[in-house]
C-alpha atoms as a PDB file:
ATOM      1  CA  UNK A   1      95.125  -8.818 140.383  1.00  0.00           C
ATOM      2  CA  UNK A   2      96.540  -5.302 140.317  1.00  0.00           C
ATOM      3  CA  UNK A   3     100.248  -4.685 140.224  1.00  0.00           C
ATOM      4  CA  UNK A   4     102.042  -2.311 142.560  1.00  0.00           C
ATOM      5  CA  UNK A   5     102.624  -0.024 139.585  1.00  0.00           C
ATOM      6  CA  UNK A   6      98.953   0.579 138.886  1.00  0.00           C
ATOM      7  CA  UNK A   7      97.935   4.155 138.274  1.00  0.00           C
ATOM      8  CA  UNK A   8      94.237   4.905 138.714  1.00  0.00           C
ATOM      9  CA  UNK A   9      92.881   7.745 136.613  1.00  0.00           C
ATOM     10  CA  UNK A  10      89.488   8.112 138.226  1.00  0.00           C
ATOM     11  CA  UNK A  11      86.967  10.507 136.782  1.00  0.00           C
ATOM     12  CA  UNK A  12      83.185  10.470 136.618  1.00  0.00           C
ATOM     13  CA  UNK A  13      82.099  10.116 133.008  1.00  0.00           C
ATOM     14  CA  UNK A  14      78.300  10.170 133.248  1.00  0.00           C
ATOM     15  CA  UNK A  15      75.439  10.776 135.640  1.00  0.00           C
ATOM     16  CA  UNK A  16      72.032   9.266 134.987  1.00  0.00           C
ATOM     17  CA  UNK A  17      69.276  11.852 134.531  1.00  0.00           C
ATOM     18  CA  UNK A  18      67.143  12.066 137.675  1.00  0.00           C
ATOM     19  CA  UNK A  19      69.512   9.767 139.579  1.00  0.00           C
ATOM     20  CA  UNK A  20      71.878  11.529 141.961  1.00  0.00           C
ATOM     21  CA  UNK A  21      73.003   8.269 143.543  1.00  0.00           C
ATOM     22  CA  UNK A  22      74.618   6.588 140.503  1.00  0.00           C
ATOM     23  CA  UNK A  23      77.572   7.549 138.322  1.00  0.00           C
ATOM     24  CA  UNK A  24      80.332   5.920 136.277  1.00  0.00           C
ATOM     25  CA  UNK A  25      84.089   5.990 136.900  1.00  0.00           C
ATOM     26  CA  UNK A  26      86.894   4.934 134.562  1.00  0.00           C
ATOM     27  CA  UNK A  27      90.339   3.774 135.673  1.00  0.00           C
ATOM     28  CA  UNK A  28      93.362   2.708 133.659  1.00  0.00           C
ATOM     29  CA  UNK A  29      95.365   0.069 135.507  1.00  0.00           C
ATOM     30  CA  UNK A  30      98.167  -2.327 134.800  1.00  0.00           C
ATOM     31  CA  UNK A  31      96.845  -5.856 135.414  1.00  0.00           C
ATOM     32  CA  UNK A  32      98.316  -9.324 135.064  1.00  0.00           C
ATOM     33  CA  UNK A  33      96.946 -11.393 132.152  1.00  0.00           C
ATOM     34  CA  UNK A  34      97.254 -15.078 133.115  1.00  0.00           C
ATOM     35  CA  UNK A  35      96.631 -16.310 129.547  1.00  0.00           C
ATOM     36  CA  UNK A  36      99.420 -14.178 128.061  1.00  0.00           C
ATOM     37  CA  UNK A  37     101.616 -14.396 131.157  1.00  0.00           C
ATOM     38  CA  UNK A  38     102.232 -10.659 130.905  1.00  0.00           C
ATOM     39  CA  UNK A  39     101.220  -7.321 132.387  1.00  0.00           C
ATOM     40  CA  UNK A  40      98.911  -5.152 130.278  1.00  0.00           C
ATOM     41  CA  UNK A  41      97.120  -1.845 130.678  1.00  0.00           C
ATOM     42  CA  UNK A  42      93.323  -2.110 130.857  1.00  0.00           C
ATOM     43  CA  UNK A  43      90.501   0.389 131.054  1.00  0.00           C
ATOM     44  CA  UNK A  44      88.092  -0.530 133.859  1.00  0.00           C
ATOM     45  CA  UNK A  45      84.615   1.042 133.963  1.00  0.00           C
ATOM     46  CA  UNK A  46      82.762   1.003 137.291  1.00  0.00           C
ATOM     47  CA  UNK A  47      79.178   1.843 138.174  1.00  0.00           C
ATOM     48  CA  UNK A  48      79.263   3.697 141.508  1.00  0.00           C
ATOM     49  CA  UNK A  49      76.007   3.450 143.430  1.00  0.00           C
ATOM     50  CA  UNK A  50      74.794   4.689 146.801  1.00  0.00           C
ATOM     51  CA  UNK A  51      73.306   1.755 148.744  1.00  0.00           C
ATOM     52  CA  UNK A  52      70.878   3.274 151.306  1.00  0.00           C
ATOM     53  CA  UNK A  53      70.561   0.013 153.270  1.00  0.00           C
ATOM     54  CA  UNK A  54      74.336  -0.001 153.866  1.00  0.00           C
ATOM     55  CA  UNK A  55      74.761   3.752 154.086  1.00  0.00           C
ATOM     56  CA  UNK A  56      77.744   3.455 151.763  1.00  0.00           C
ATOM     57  CA  UNK A  57      78.927   3.852 148.188  1.00  0.00           C
ATOM     58  CA  UNK A  58      79.638   0.602 146.298  1.00  0.00           C
ATOM     59  CA  UNK A  59      81.605   0.137 143.072  1.00  0.00           C
ATOM     60  CA  UNK A  60      80.605  -2.532 140.568  1.00  0.00           C
ATOM     61  CA  UNK A  61      82.926  -3.426 137.688  1.00  0.00           C
ATOM     62  CA  UNK A  62      80.841  -3.157 134.506  1.00  0.00           C
ATOM     63  CA  UNK A  63      83.419  -3.511 131.739  1.00  0.00           C
ATOM     64  CA  UNK A  64      87.107  -3.911 131.051  1.00  0.00           C
ATOM     65  CA  UNK A  65      89.168  -3.768 127.889  1.00  0.00           C
ATOM     66  CA  UNK A  66      92.806  -3.751 126.931  1.00  0.00           C
ATOM     67  CA  UNK A  67      94.242  -0.324 126.135  1.00  0.00           C
ATOM     68  CA  UNK A  68      96.086  -0.298 122.801  1.00  0.00           C
ATOM     69  CA  UNK A  69      98.645   2.443 122.326  1.00  0.00           C
END
């Protein structure tokens, strides 16, 4: 679950050679950690892919990690 105070910092970080339809995006968001019962900042990495059958871009969450400052 994302909080109202989330702040996406979206930027493509890589493009696969020979593949124009796939790239990666990274966002830092404040999310709620149920185990710790606290909000924490996490880095979320998405694979963004063009799906020809749908005629649309789709984002797939590939990894997430806590941001330590």
